[in-house]
């Protein structure tokens, strides 16, 4: 998984498409029971995953760390399990999937925190430089 930034962005866009589709369905049916699912797909899925991907793009050395793969695996499982679990909970099926998904997502976020802490203390953070516009 060489370009982990792209994998995060790809999963983010998939979540965005699902979240927007769910929002359209809720609007057309006037049934907003699953609004929390829609919100979590867009917030965790689109926003958080896209930000993770952009940070990995700006700091490529993060992507070279073995923790990057762990982070992606946890985030991918968590971002899918948590909204599905919320839907199952709202439908009075079970709360277990939501709880497990939430803790997997927390583990993903904690892994990202560790990545950033290690980057800060290594002192080698070298963000990509962007060319300044010509004058």
C-alpha atoms as a PDB file:
ATOM      1  CA  UNK A   1       0.000   0.000   0.000  1.00  0.00           C
ATOM      2  CA  UNK A   2       2.416   2.622  -1.245  1.00  0.00           C
ATOM      3  CA  UNK A   3       0.104   5.629  -1.519  1.00  0.00           C
ATOM      4  CA  UNK A   4      -1.853   5.384   1.706  1.00  0.00           C
ATOM      5  CA  UNK A   5      -3.051   8.957   1.181  1.00  0.00           C
ATOM      6  CA  UNK A   6      -4.914   7.862  -1.953  1.00  0.00           C
ATOM      7  CA  UNK A   7      -6.470   4.884  -0.157  1.00  0.00           C
ATOM      8  CA  UNK A   8      -7.772   7.155   2.609  1.00  0.00           C
ATOM      9  CA  UNK A   9      -9.170   9.579   0.014  1.00  0.00           C
ATOM     10  CA  UNK A  10     -10.771   6.761  -1.986  1.00  0.00           C
ATOM     11  CA  UNK A  11     -12.524   5.375   1.095  1.00  0.00           C
ATOM     12  CA  UNK A  12     -13.543   8.926   2.065  1.00  0.00           C
ATOM     13  CA  UNK A  13     -15.210   9.479  -1.307  1.00  0.00           C
ATOM     14  CA  UNK A  14     -16.995   6.115  -1.114  1.00  0.00           C
ATOM     15  CA  UNK A  15     -18.384   7.155   2.291  1.00  0.00           C
ATOM     16  CA  UNK A  16     -19.404  10.524   0.844  1.00  0.00           C
ATOM     17  CA  UNK A  17     -21.332   8.877  -1.999  1.00  0.00           C
ATOM     18  CA  UNK A  18     -23.103   6.535   0.439  1.00  0.00           C
ATOM     19  CA  UNK A  19     -23.819   9.366   2.897  1.00  0.00           C
ATOM     20  CA  UNK A  20     -25.192  11.700   0.219  1.00  0.00           C
ATOM     21  CA  UNK A  21     -27.279   8.884  -1.268  1.00  0.00           C
ATOM     22  CA  UNK A  22     -28.721   8.108   2.156  1.00  0.00           C
ATOM     23  CA  UNK A  23     -29.483  11.806   2.664  1.00  0.00           C
ATOM     24  CA  UNK A  24     -31.307  11.977  -0.666  1.00  0.00           C
ATOM     25  CA  UNK A  25     -33.268   8.827   0.160  1.00  0.00           C
ATOM     26  CA  UNK A  26     -34.274  10.230   3.548  1.00  0.00           C
ATOM     27  CA  UNK A  27     -35.347  13.506   1.976  1.00  0.00           C
ATOM     28  CA  UNK A  28     -37.416  11.830  -0.735  1.00  0.00           C
ATOM     29  CA  UNK A  29     -39.086   9.452   1.697  1.00  0.00           C
ATOM     30  CA  UNK A  30     -39.500  12.066   4.473  1.00  0.00           C
ATOM     31  CA  UNK A  31     -38.117   9.450   6.854  1.00  0.00           C
ATOM     32  CA  UNK A  32     -35.201  10.826   8.862  1.00  0.00           C
ATOM     33  CA  UNK A  33     -34.832   7.946  11.300  1.00  0.00           C
ATOM     34  CA  UNK A  34     -31.341   7.234   9.987  1.00  0.00           C
ATOM     35  CA  UNK A  35     -30.065  10.833  10.115  1.00  0.00           C
ATOM     36  CA  UNK A  36     -27.348   9.846  12.631  1.00  0.00           C
ATOM     37  CA  UNK A  37     -26.095   7.218  10.159  1.00  0.00           C
ATOM     38  CA  UNK A  38     -26.009   9.856   7.413  1.00  0.00           C
ATOM     39  CA  UNK A  39     -24.149  12.263   9.715  1.00  0.00           C
ATOM     40  CA  UNK A  40     -21.557   9.684  10.771  1.00  0.00           C
ATOM     41  CA  UNK A  41     -20.910   8.573   7.201  1.00  0.00           C
ATOM     42  CA  UNK A  42     -20.273  12.165   6.215  1.00  0.00           C
ATOM     43  CA  UNK A  43     -18.345  13.248   9.308  1.00  0.00           C
ATOM     44  CA  UNK A  44     -16.249  10.172  10.036  1.00  0.00           C
ATOM     45  CA  UNK A  45     -16.232   8.831   6.515  1.00  0.00           C
ATOM     46  CA  UNK A  46     -15.823  11.839   4.295  1.00  0.00           C
ATOM     47  CA  UNK A  47     -14.345  14.495   6.567  1.00  0.00           C
ATOM     48  CA  UNK A  48     -12.071  12.514   8.874  1.00  0.00           C
ATOM     49  CA  UNK A  49     -10.794  10.058   6.290  1.00  0.00           C
ATOM     50  CA  UNK A  50     -10.137  12.848   3.784  1.00  0.00           C
ATOM     51  CA  UNK A  51      -8.220  14.812   6.414  1.00  0.00           C
ATOM     52  CA  UNK A  52      -6.188  11.728   7.302  1.00  0.00           C
ATOM     53  CA  UNK A  53      -5.385  11.250   3.627  1.00  0.00           C
ATOM     54  CA  UNK A  54      -4.358  14.868   3.175  1.00  0.00           C
ATOM     55  CA  UNK A  55      -2.095  14.745   6.239  1.00  0.00           C
ATOM     56  CA  UNK A  56      -0.447  11.595   4.872  1.00  0.00           C
ATOM     57  CA  UNK A  57       0.032  13.449   1.580  1.00  0.00           C
ATOM     58  CA  UNK A  58       1.627  16.477   3.241  1.00  0.00           C
ATOM     59  CA  UNK A  59       3.860  14.301   5.472  1.00  0.00           C
ATOM     60  CA  UNK A  60       4.880  11.342   3.271  1.00  0.00           C
ATOM     61  CA  UNK A  61       7.156   9.932   5.982  1.00  0.00           C
ATOM     62  CA  UNK A  62       4.008   9.108   7.967  1.00  0.00           C
ATOM     63  CA  UNK A  63       2.870   6.834   5.160  1.00  0.00           C
ATOM     64  CA  UNK A  64       6.174   4.944   5.292  1.00  0.00           C
ATOM     65  CA  UNK A  65       5.546   3.969   8.909  1.00  0.00           C
ATOM     66  CA  UNK A  66       4.096   0.522   9.642  1.00  0.00           C
ATOM     67  CA  UNK A  67       1.531   2.333  11.792  1.00  0.00           C
ATOM     68  CA  UNK A  68       0.032   3.855   8.629  1.00  0.00           C
ATOM     69  CA  UNK A  69      -1.284   0.460   7.529  1.00  0.00           C
ATOM     70  CA  UNK A  70      -2.609  -0.264  11.004  1.00  0.00           C
ATOM     71  CA  UNK A  71      -4.297   3.139  10.998  1.00  0.00           C
ATOM     72  CA  UNK A  72      -5.918   2.520   7.622  1.00  0.00           C
ATOM     73  CA  UNK A  73      -7.132  -0.970   8.581  1.00  0.00           C
ATOM     74  CA  UNK A  74      -8.666   0.255  11.847  1.00  0.00           C
ATOM     75  CA  UNK A  75     -10.187   3.328  10.185  1.00  0.00           C
ATOM     76  CA  UNK A  76     -11.680   1.288   7.330  1.00  0.00           C
ATOM     77  CA  UNK A  77     -13.315  -1.209   9.687  1.00  0.00           C
ATOM     78  CA  UNK A  78     -14.437   1.475  12.139  1.00  0.00           C
ATOM     79  CA  UNK A  79     -15.850   3.861   9.571  1.00  0.00           C
ATOM     80  CA  UNK A  80     -18.006   1.106   8.091  1.00  0.00           C
ATOM     81  CA  UNK A  81     -18.953  -0.761  11.282  1.00  0.00           C
ATOM     82  CA  UNK A  82     -19.900   2.315  13.316  1.00  0.00           C
ATOM     83  CA  UNK A  83     -22.624   3.708  10.975  1.00  0.00           C
ATOM     84  CA  UNK A  84     -23.943   0.200  10.266  1.00  0.00           C
ATOM     85  CA  UNK A  85     -24.058  -0.371  14.011  1.00  0.00           C
ATOM     86  CA  UNK A  86     -25.921   2.894  14.523  1.00  0.00           C
ATOM     87  CA  UNK A  87     -28.460   1.801  11.898  1.00  0.00           C
ATOM     88  CA  UNK A  88     -28.889  -1.568  13.616  1.00  0.00           C
ATOM     89  CA  UNK A  89     -29.295   0.183  16.952  1.00  0.00           C
ATOM     90  CA  UNK A  90     -31.894   2.607  15.577  1.00  0.00           C
ATOM     91  CA  UNK A  91     -33.770  -0.343  14.082  1.00  0.00           C
ATOM     92  CA  UNK A  92     -33.758  -2.004  17.542  1.00  0.00           C
ATOM     93  CA  UNK A  93     -31.730  -4.972  16.299  1.00  0.00           C
ATOM     94  CA  UNK A  94     -28.560  -4.691  18.390  1.00  0.00           C
ATOM     95  CA  UNK A  95     -26.236  -2.088  19.847  1.00  0.00           C
ATOM     96  CA  UNK A  96     -23.162  -4.355  19.840  1.00  0.00           C
ATOM     97  CA  UNK A  97     -22.010  -3.464  16.323  1.00  0.00           C
ATOM     98  CA  UNK A  98     -22.180   0.264  17.114  1.00  0.00           C
ATOM     99  CA  UNK A  99     -20.171  -0.181  20.307  1.00  0.00           C
ATOM    100  CA  UNK A 100     -17.513  -2.310  18.607  1.00  0.00           C
ATOM    101  CA  UNK A 101     -17.380   0.081  15.645  1.00  0.00           C
ATOM    102  CA  UNK A 102     -16.987   3.067  17.963  1.00  0.00           C
ATOM    103  CA  UNK A 103     -14.065   1.454  19.798  1.00  0.00           C
ATOM    104  CA  UNK A 104     -12.394   0.393  16.541  1.00  0.00           C
ATOM    105  CA  UNK A 105     -12.762   3.997  15.313  1.00  0.00           C
ATOM    106  CA  UNK A 106     -11.280   5.234  18.602  1.00  0.00           C
ATOM    107  CA  UNK A 107      -8.320   2.883  18.088  1.00  0.00           C
ATOM    108  CA  UNK A 108      -7.857   4.318  14.581  1.00  0.00           C
ATOM    109  CA  UNK A 109      -7.865   7.872  15.912  1.00  0.00           C
ATOM    110  CA  UNK A 110      -5.455   6.926  18.713  1.00  0.00           C
ATOM    111  CA  UNK A 111      -3.129   5.343  16.137  1.00  0.00           C
ATOM    112  CA  UNK A 112      -3.175   8.575  14.151  1.00  0.00           C
ATOM    113  CA  UNK A 113      -2.408  10.518  17.331  1.00  0.00           C
ATOM    114  CA  UNK A 114       0.596   8.269  17.941  1.00  0.00           C
ATOM    115  CA  UNK A 115       1.730   8.883  14.361  1.00  0.00           C
ATOM    116  CA  UNK A 116       1.575  12.657  14.845  1.00  0.00           C
ATOM    117  CA  UNK A 117       3.290  12.521  18.254  1.00  0.00           C
ATOM    118  CA  UNK A 118       6.116  10.435  16.804  1.00  0.00           C
ATOM    119  CA  UNK A 119       6.426  12.858  13.911  1.00  0.00           C
ATOM    120  CA  UNK A 120       6.595  15.828  16.277  1.00  0.00           C
ATOM    121  CA  UNK A 121       9.271  14.276  18.482  1.00  0.00           C
ATOM    122  CA  UNK A 122      11.382  12.988  15.598  1.00  0.00           C
ATOM    123  CA  UNK A 123      11.889  16.572  14.548  1.00  0.00           C
ATOM    124  CA  UNK A 124      12.193  15.518  10.925  1.00  0.00           C
ATOM    125  CA  UNK A 125       8.800  16.753   9.855  1.00  0.00           C
ATOM    126  CA  UNK A 126       9.321  18.032   6.369  1.00  0.00           C
ATOM    127  CA  UNK A 127       5.980  18.993   4.867  1.00  0.00           C
ATOM    128  CA  UNK A 128       5.765  19.025   1.130  1.00  0.00           C
ATOM    129  CA  UNK A 129       6.699  22.364  -0.268  1.00  0.00           C
ATOM    130  CA  UNK A 130       4.330  23.933  -2.692  1.00  0.00           C
ATOM    131  CA  UNK A 131       5.655  26.159  -5.410  1.00  0.00           C
ATOM    132  CA  UNK A 132       4.869  29.837  -4.954  1.00  0.00           C
ATOM    133  CA  UNK A 133       3.143  31.517  -7.862  1.00  0.00           C
ATOM    134  CA  UNK A 134       5.439  33.368 -10.223  1.00  0.00           C
ATOM    135  CA  UNK A 135       5.472  37.098  -9.856  1.00  0.00           C
END
